[in-house]
Amino acid sequence: VAIVVSDVMMPGGLSGRQLAEKILGLNPQMRIVLMSGYADEPEYDSAGDLPVLAKPFVKQDLVQALQL
Protein backbone atom coordinates (compact mmCIF):
# COMPACT_ATOMS: atom_id res chain seq x y z
CA VAL A 1 0.00 0.00 0.00
CA ALA A 2 1.50 3.32 -1.06
CA ILE A 3 -1.35 5.76 -0.36
CA VAL A 4 -4.41 5.73 1.90
CA VAL A 5 -7.43 7.90 1.03
CA SER A 6 -10.09 7.81 3.74
CA ASP A 7 -13.29 9.62 4.55
CA VAL A 8 -13.17 11.60 7.80
CA MET A 9 -16.48 10.12 8.97
CA MET A 10 -16.83 6.34 8.70
CA PRO A 11 -19.30 3.83 10.14
CA GLY A 12 -18.30 1.55 12.97
CA GLY A 13 -16.84 4.02 15.44
CA LEU A 14 -13.42 4.58 13.85
CA SER A 15 -12.91 7.97 12.19
CA GLY A 16 -10.59 8.65 9.29
CA ARG A 17 -8.32 10.62 11.63
CA GLN A 18 -8.14 7.67 14.05
CA LEU A 19 -7.38 5.34 11.15
CA ALA A 20 -4.60 7.68 10.02
CA GLU A 21 -3.10 7.71 13.54
CA LYS A 22 -3.07 3.90 13.62
CA ILE A 23 -1.50 3.64 10.16
CA LEU A 24 1.12 6.29 10.90
CA GLY A 25 1.97 4.49 14.15
CA LEU A 26 2.90 1.44 12.07
CA ASN A 27 4.31 3.27 9.05
CA PRO A 28 5.21 6.96 9.65
CA GLN A 29 6.10 7.43 5.97
CA MET A 30 2.65 6.43 4.66
CA ARG A 31 0.92 9.02 2.46
CA ILE A 32 -2.59 9.70 3.79
CA VAL A 33 -5.28 12.02 2.42
CA LEU A 34 -8.59 12.50 4.19
CA MET A 35 -11.82 13.58 2.50
CA SER A 36 -15.07 15.01 3.76
CA GLY A 37 -18.45 15.96 2.40
CA TYR A 38 -18.89 18.59 5.10
CA ALA A 39 -18.03 22.17 4.14
CA ASP A 40 -16.90 23.04 7.67
CA GLU A 41 -14.02 20.54 7.65
CA PRO A 42 -10.64 22.27 7.67
CA GLU A 43 -8.26 22.02 4.73
CA TYR A 44 -5.89 20.14 7.05
CA ASP A 45 -6.67 17.81 9.92
CA SER A 46 -6.49 18.98 13.54
CA ALA A 47 -2.81 18.05 13.79
CA GLY A 48 -2.19 20.13 10.68
CA ASP A 49 -0.26 17.56 8.70
CA LEU A 50 -2.87 15.58 6.75
CA PRO A 51 -4.67 17.20 3.82
CA VAL A 52 -8.48 17.08 3.89
CA LEU A 53 -10.21 17.26 0.51
CA ALA A 54 -13.78 18.51 0.19
CA LYS A 55 -16.05 16.05 -1.64
CA PRO A 56 -16.65 15.91 -4.47
CA PHE A 57 -13.14 16.53 -5.67
CA VAL A 58 -11.41 16.16 -9.02
CA LYS A 59 -8.29 14.15 -9.77
CA GLN A 60 -6.15 17.30 -9.80
CA ASP A 61 -7.17 18.06 -6.17
CA LEU A 62 -5.93 14.62 -5.13
CA VAL A 63 -2.68 15.07 -7.06
CA GLN A 64 -2.11 18.44 -5.38
CA ALA A 65 -2.84 16.99 -1.92
CA LEU A 66 -0.28 14.23 -2.51
CA GLN A 67 2.38 16.77 -3.47
CA LEU A 68 2.24 18.49 -0.06
C-alpha atoms as a PDB file:
ATOM      1  CA  VAL A   1       0.000   0.000   0.000  1.00  0.00           C
ATOM      2  CA  ALA A   2       1.500   3.316  -1.061  1.00  0.00           C
ATOM      3  CA  ILE A   3      -1.347   5.761  -0.357  1.00  0.00           C
ATOM      4  CA  VAL A   4      -4.406   5.729   1.900  1.00  0.00           C
ATOM      5  CA  VAL A   5      -7.429   7.895   1.033  1.00  0.00           C
ATOM      6  CA  SER A   6     -10.095   7.806   3.739  1.00  0.00           C
ATOM      7  CA  ASP A   7     -13.286   9.623   4.549  1.00  0.00           C
ATOM      8  CA  VAL A   8     -13.175  11.603   7.805  1.00  0.00           C
ATOM      9  CA  MET A   9     -16.481  10.121   8.969  1.00  0.00           C
ATOM     10  CA  MET A  10     -16.831   6.343   8.701  1.00  0.00           C
ATOM     11  CA  PRO A  11     -19.300   3.826  10.138  1.00  0.00           C
ATOM     12  CA  GLY A  12     -18.298   1.549  12.972  1.00  0.00           C
ATOM     13  CA  GLY A  13     -16.838   4.015  15.441  1.00  0.00           C
ATOM     14  CA  LEU A  14     -13.419   4.582  13.848  1.00  0.00           C
ATOM     15  CA  SER A  15     -12.913   7.967  12.191  1.00  0.00           C
ATOM     16  CA  GLY A  16     -10.588   8.650   9.295  1.00  0.00           C
ATOM     17  CA  ARG A  17      -8.323  10.624  11.628  1.00  0.00           C
ATOM     18  CA  GLN A  18      -8.139   7.671  14.051  1.00  0.00           C
ATOM     19  CA  LEU A  19      -7.383   5.339  11.154  1.00  0.00           C
ATOM     20  CA  ALA A  20      -4.602   7.684  10.021  1.00  0.00           C
ATOM     21  CA  GLU A  21      -3.102   7.706  13.538  1.00  0.00           C
ATOM     22  CA  LYS A  22      -3.069   3.900  13.622  1.00  0.00           C
ATOM     23  CA  ILE A  23      -1.504   3.645  10.164  1.00  0.00           C
ATOM     24  CA  LEU A  24       1.121   6.288  10.896  1.00  0.00           C
ATOM     25  CA  GLY A  25       1.969   4.493  14.146  1.00  0.00           C
ATOM     26  CA  LEU A  26       2.900   1.441  12.069  1.00  0.00           C
ATOM     27  CA  ASN A  27       4.311   3.274   9.054  1.00  0.00           C
ATOM     28  CA  PRO A  28       5.211   6.959   9.655  1.00  0.00           C
ATOM     29  CA  GLN A  29       6.096   7.429   5.973  1.00  0.00           C
ATOM     30  CA  MET A  30       2.646   6.430   4.657  1.00  0.00           C
ATOM     31  CA  ARG A  31       0.916   9.023   2.463  1.00  0.00           C
ATOM     32  CA  ILE A  32      -2.588   9.698   3.787  1.00  0.00           C
ATOM     33  CA  VAL A  33      -5.280  12.019   2.425  1.00  0.00           C
ATOM     34  CA  LEU A  34      -8.591  12.504   4.194  1.00  0.00           C
ATOM     35  CA  MET A  35     -11.816  13.585   2.495  1.00  0.00           C
ATOM     36  CA  SER A  36     -15.072  15.006   3.763  1.00  0.00           C
ATOM     37  CA  GLY A  37     -18.454  15.962   2.400  1.00  0.00           C
ATOM     38  CA  TYR A  38     -18.894  18.591   5.097  1.00  0.00           C
ATOM     39  CA  ALA A  39     -18.028  22.168   4.136  1.00  0.00           C
ATOM     40  CA  ASP A  40     -16.900  23.042   7.665  1.00  0.00           C
ATOM     41  CA  GLU A  41     -14.022  20.540   7.651  1.00  0.00           C
ATOM     42  CA  PRO A  42     -10.639  22.268   7.671  1.00  0.00           C
ATOM     43  CA  GLU A  43      -8.258  22.021   4.728  1.00  0.00           C
ATOM     44  CA  TYR A  44      -5.886  20.136   7.046  1.00  0.00           C
ATOM     45  CA  ASP A  45      -6.667  17.813   9.924  1.00  0.00           C
ATOM     46  CA  SER A  46      -6.491  18.982  13.535  1.00  0.00           C
ATOM     47  CA  ALA A  47      -2.808  18.052  13.790  1.00  0.00           C
ATOM     48  CA  GLY A  48      -2.193  20.131  10.676  1.00  0.00           C
ATOM     49  CA  ASP A  49      -0.261  17.556   8.702  1.00  0.00           C
ATOM     50  CA  LEU A  50      -2.870  15.581   6.749  1.00  0.00           C
ATOM     51  CA  PRO A  51      -4.668  17.200   3.824  1.00  0.00           C
ATOM     52  CA  VAL A  52      -8.478  17.078   3.887  1.00  0.00           C
ATOM     53  CA  LEU A  53     -10.212  17.264   0.508  1.00  0.00           C
ATOM     54  CA  ALA A  54     -13.784  18.513   0.191  1.00  0.00           C
ATOM     55  CA  LYS A  55     -16.054  16.054  -1.642  1.00  0.00           C
ATOM     56  CA  PRO A  56     -16.655  15.908  -4.468  1.00  0.00           C
ATOM     57  CA  PHE A  57     -13.136  16.530  -5.672  1.00  0.00           C
ATOM     58  CA  VAL A  58     -11.406  16.160  -9.018  1.00  0.00           C
ATOM     59  CA  LYS A  59      -8.294  14.146  -9.768  1.00  0.00           C
ATOM     60  CA  GLN A  60      -6.149  17.301  -9.803  1.00  0.00           C
ATOM     61  CA  ASP A  61      -7.175  18.056  -6.170  1.00  0.00           C
ATOM     62  CA  LEU A  62      -5.929  14.622  -5.126  1.00  0.00           C
ATOM     63  CA  VAL A  63      -2.678  15.071  -7.062  1.00  0.00           C
ATOM     64  CA  GLN A  64      -2.111  18.442  -5.383  1.00  0.00           C
ATOM     65  CA  ALA A  65      -2.836  16.988  -1.923  1.00  0.00           C
ATOM     66  CA  LEU A  66      -0.281  14.227  -2.507  1.00  0.00           C
ATOM     67  CA  GLN A  67       2.384  16.770  -3.467  1.00  0.00           C
ATOM     68  CA  LEU A  68       2.242  18.485  -0.060  1.00  0.00           C
END
